[in-house]
Amino acid sequence: METGSREKLLEILKKFRNAMLVTQAGHGALRARPMALMKVDDGTGDIWFMTSIDSGKIDEIESNPEVNVTLQEERRFLSLSGRASIVRSRAKIEELWSEEAKVYFPKGKDDPHLALIHVTPREGEYWDNQGTAGLRFLIEAVKAYVTGTTPKTDASQHAAVPLNGGPTSDGRVAAR
């Protein structure tokens, strides 16, 4: 697998509106929950979600902040591993508030149970088979089928990307 560019990963990430947030429960089991992306920070790829402070994921994140965020659409996939934190800043909630959130928080942005989950990804991996990349993959898949091999891909289709101090493929730490 090649190392891809931060720009390519962020370009793909910004196309998504929903994700699955994976946390670890106290007894070690992994839990995945659908979440609406409220914001993706330019440059860092930090992700913001809204949640209730009464949610089980709050305790799970406070006990073990290591999380995974997975995103999928028809021919595009992304996985991010990093650290989550709970943010209760009213100013940040005000900044990220949208009327769509009122479905889950009918009292609005001033709901005292409203909090944010901030995820700082340290590494990501993407698979992008949209458009011409998808056509290239289809050709490679047919070749692989005929020859009994596996399809070849390049960094435009599949790559790992270190982020925000995460490890690079050679073991060094990525720039923040």
Protein backbone atom coordinates (compact mmCIF):
# COMPACT_ATOMS: atom_id res chain seq x y z
CA MET A 1 0.00 0.00 0.00
CA GLU A 2 1.28 3.43 -0.89
CA THR A 3 1.39 6.47 1.31
CA GLY A 4 -1.13 8.96 -0.02
CA SER A 5 -1.38 12.68 0.30
CA ARG A 6 -3.04 14.54 3.15
CA GLU A 7 -4.80 16.69 0.52
CA LYS A 8 -6.37 13.64 -1.19
CA LEU A 9 -7.58 12.24 2.13
CA LEU A 10 -9.08 15.60 3.19
CA GLU A 11 -10.72 16.01 -0.22
CA ILE A 12 -12.45 12.65 0.21
CA LEU A 13 -13.31 13.29 3.88
CA LYS A 14 -15.10 16.56 3.10
CA LYS A 15 -17.49 14.76 0.72
CA PHE A 16 -19.11 12.80 3.56
CA ARG A 17 -22.01 13.96 5.75
CA ASN A 18 -22.31 10.92 8.04
CA ALA A 19 -19.91 8.52 9.70
CA MET A 20 -19.73 5.62 12.12
CA LEU A 21 -17.92 6.49 15.35
CA VAL A 22 -16.28 3.43 16.92
CA THR A 23 -15.51 3.53 20.66
CA GLN A 24 -14.46 0.87 23.14
CA ALA A 25 -16.91 -0.11 25.87
CA GLY A 26 -15.71 -0.74 29.41
CA HIS A 27 -15.69 -4.52 28.95
CA GLY A 28 -13.53 -4.21 25.80
CA ALA A 29 -16.21 -4.62 23.14
CA LEU A 30 -16.15 -2.18 20.24
CA ARG A 31 -19.27 -0.05 19.67
CA ALA A 32 -20.11 1.73 16.41
CA ARG A 33 -22.71 4.47 16.15
CA PRO A 34 -23.91 6.54 13.20
CA MET A 35 -23.08 10.23 13.60
CA ALA A 36 -23.65 13.36 11.52
CA LEU A 37 -20.47 15.24 10.68
CA MET A 38 -20.87 18.79 11.93
CA LYS A 39 -17.51 20.02 10.68
CA VAL A 40 -14.21 18.85 9.20
CA ASP A 41 -11.37 21.27 9.98
CA ASP A 42 -9.27 22.35 7.01
CA GLY A 43 -5.66 21.24 7.16
CA THR A 44 -5.89 18.93 10.18
CA GLY A 45 -8.91 16.82 9.24
CA ASP A 46 -10.24 17.14 12.80
CA ILE A 47 -13.88 16.03 12.96
CA TRP A 48 -16.69 17.41 15.10
CA PHE A 49 -19.90 15.63 16.15
CA MET A 50 -22.78 16.70 18.43
CA THR A 51 -24.02 14.39 21.15
CA SER A 52 -25.85 14.27 24.44
CA ILE A 53 -23.78 14.21 27.63
CA ASP A 54 -26.10 11.38 28.73
CA SER A 55 -24.92 9.13 25.88
CA GLY A 56 -22.90 6.01 26.68
CA LYS A 57 -20.23 7.11 24.22
CA ILE A 58 -19.28 9.97 26.56
CA ASP A 59 -18.18 7.54 29.32
CA GLU A 60 -16.46 5.33 26.74
CA ILE A 61 -14.45 8.23 25.29
CA GLU A 62 -13.54 9.54 28.74
CA SER A 63 -12.33 6.03 29.72
CA ASN A 64 -10.51 5.35 26.45
CA PRO A 65 -10.18 8.26 23.99
CA GLU A 66 -8.80 6.08 21.16
CA VAL A 67 -11.51 5.92 18.47
CA ASN A 68 -12.03 5.03 14.85
CA VAL A 69 -14.27 6.89 12.42
CA THR A 70 -15.41 5.04 9.30
CA LEU A 71 -17.12 6.61 6.32
CA GLN A 72 -18.61 4.91 3.29
CA GLU A 73 -20.58 5.75 0.21
CA GLU A 74 -21.11 3.82 -2.98
CA ARG A 75 -17.49 3.55 -4.21
CA ARG A 76 -15.57 5.58 -1.66
CA PHE A 77 -14.39 4.49 1.79
CA LEU A 78 -12.36 6.14 4.54
CA SER A 79 -11.11 5.01 7.94
CA LEU A 80 -9.57 7.39 10.49
CA SER A 81 -7.92 6.42 13.78
CA GLY A 82 -7.27 9.00 16.45
CA ARG A 83 -8.19 10.50 19.80
CA ALA A 84 -11.54 11.90 20.83
CA SER A 85 -12.33 14.46 23.47
CA ILE A 86 -15.55 15.85 24.88
CA VAL A 87 -16.02 19.60 24.39
CA ARG A 88 -18.67 21.53 26.29
CA SER A 89 -17.75 25.00 25.03
CA ARG A 90 -20.96 26.97 24.41
CA ALA A 91 -19.07 29.15 21.88
CA LYS A 92 -18.02 26.08 19.86
CA ILE A 93 -21.53 24.62 20.06
CA GLU A 94 -22.90 27.96 18.79
CA GLU A 95 -20.38 27.89 15.91
CA LEU A 96 -21.33 24.35 14.83
CA TRP A 97 -25.07 24.53 15.46
CA SER A 98 -27.40 23.81 12.54
CA GLU A 99 -31.18 23.57 12.46
CA GLU A 100 -30.82 19.89 11.49
CA ALA A 101 -29.48 19.25 15.00
CA LYS A 102 -32.82 20.37 16.45
CA VAL A 103 -34.19 16.92 15.59
CA TYR A 104 -31.97 15.47 18.35
CA PHE A 105 -31.83 18.57 20.54
CA PRO A 106 -35.33 20.13 20.49
CA LYS A 107 -34.30 22.69 23.13
CA GLY A 108 -31.82 24.06 20.59
CA LYS A 109 -28.19 25.07 20.94
CA ASP A 110 -28.72 26.09 24.58
CA ASP A 111 -29.73 22.56 25.61
CA PRO A 112 -27.63 21.84 28.73
CA HIS A 113 -27.22 18.20 27.63
CA LEU A 114 -25.61 19.15 24.30
CA ALA A 115 -21.88 18.49 23.97
CA LEU A 116 -19.41 18.01 21.15
CA ILE A 117 -17.09 15.16 20.29
CA HIS A 118 -13.83 16.38 18.78
CA VAL A 119 -11.78 13.72 16.97
CA THR A 120 -8.17 14.42 16.03
CA PRO A 121 -7.17 11.72 13.55
CA ARG A 122 -3.59 10.45 13.66
CA GLU A 123 -3.79 8.22 10.63
CA GLY A 124 -6.22 7.56 7.84
CA GLU A 125 -6.71 5.16 4.98
CA TYR A 126 -8.86 5.66 1.92
CA TRP A 127 -10.21 3.62 -0.96
CA ASP A 128 -11.51 5.73 -3.84
CA ASN A 129 -13.04 4.02 -6.85
CA GLN A 130 -15.10 6.96 -8.10
CA GLY A 131 -14.82 8.33 -11.64
CA THR A 132 -11.67 7.51 -13.60
CA ALA A 133 -10.08 5.79 -10.57
CA GLY A 134 -13.04 3.40 -10.58
CA LEU A 135 -12.62 2.73 -14.27
CA ARG A 136 -8.91 1.99 -13.76
CA PHE A 137 -9.81 -0.35 -10.90
CA LEU A 138 -12.39 -2.16 -13.04
CA ILE A 139 -9.78 -2.73 -15.77
CA GLU A 140 -7.25 -3.97 -13.19
CA ALA A 141 -9.90 -6.22 -11.61
CA VAL A 142 -10.67 -7.85 -14.96
CA LYS A 143 -6.93 -8.36 -15.63
CA ALA A 144 -6.50 -9.84 -12.16
CA TYR A 145 -9.43 -12.19 -12.64
CA VAL A 146 -8.11 -13.43 -15.98
CA THR A 147 -4.52 -13.85 -14.74
CA GLY A 148 -5.33 -15.19 -11.26
CA THR A 149 -3.64 -12.27 -9.51
CA THR A 150 -4.91 -9.34 -7.45
CA PRO A 151 -5.75 -5.90 -8.85
CA LYS A 152 -3.06 -3.22 -8.81
CA THR A 153 -3.93 0.16 -7.32
CA ASP A 154 -2.10 3.44 -6.89
CA ALA A 155 -2.27 6.27 -4.33
CA SER A 156 -5.18 7.87 -6.18
CA GLN A 157 -7.25 4.79 -5.31
CA HIS A 158 -5.91 3.40 -2.02
CA ALA A 159 -3.37 4.74 0.44
CA ALA A 160 -2.54 5.27 4.09
CA VAL A 161 -1.98 8.83 5.32
CA PRO A 162 -0.33 9.86 8.59
CA LEU A 163 -2.04 12.85 10.23
CA ASN A 164 -1.45 15.15 13.22
CA GLY A 165 1.62 13.41 14.61
CA GLY A 166 0.55 9.87 13.68
CA PRO A 167 3.08 7.29 12.46
CA THR A 168 4.33 7.27 8.86
CA SER A 169 4.93 4.02 6.96
CA ASP A 170 8.63 4.19 7.90
CA GLY A 171 7.87 4.65 11.61
CA ARG A 172 8.55 8.39 11.81
CA VAL A 173 5.99 10.81 13.23
CA ALA A 174 3.93 12.85 10.74
CA ALA A 175 3.91 16.63 10.83
CA ARG A 176 1.04 18.31 12.62
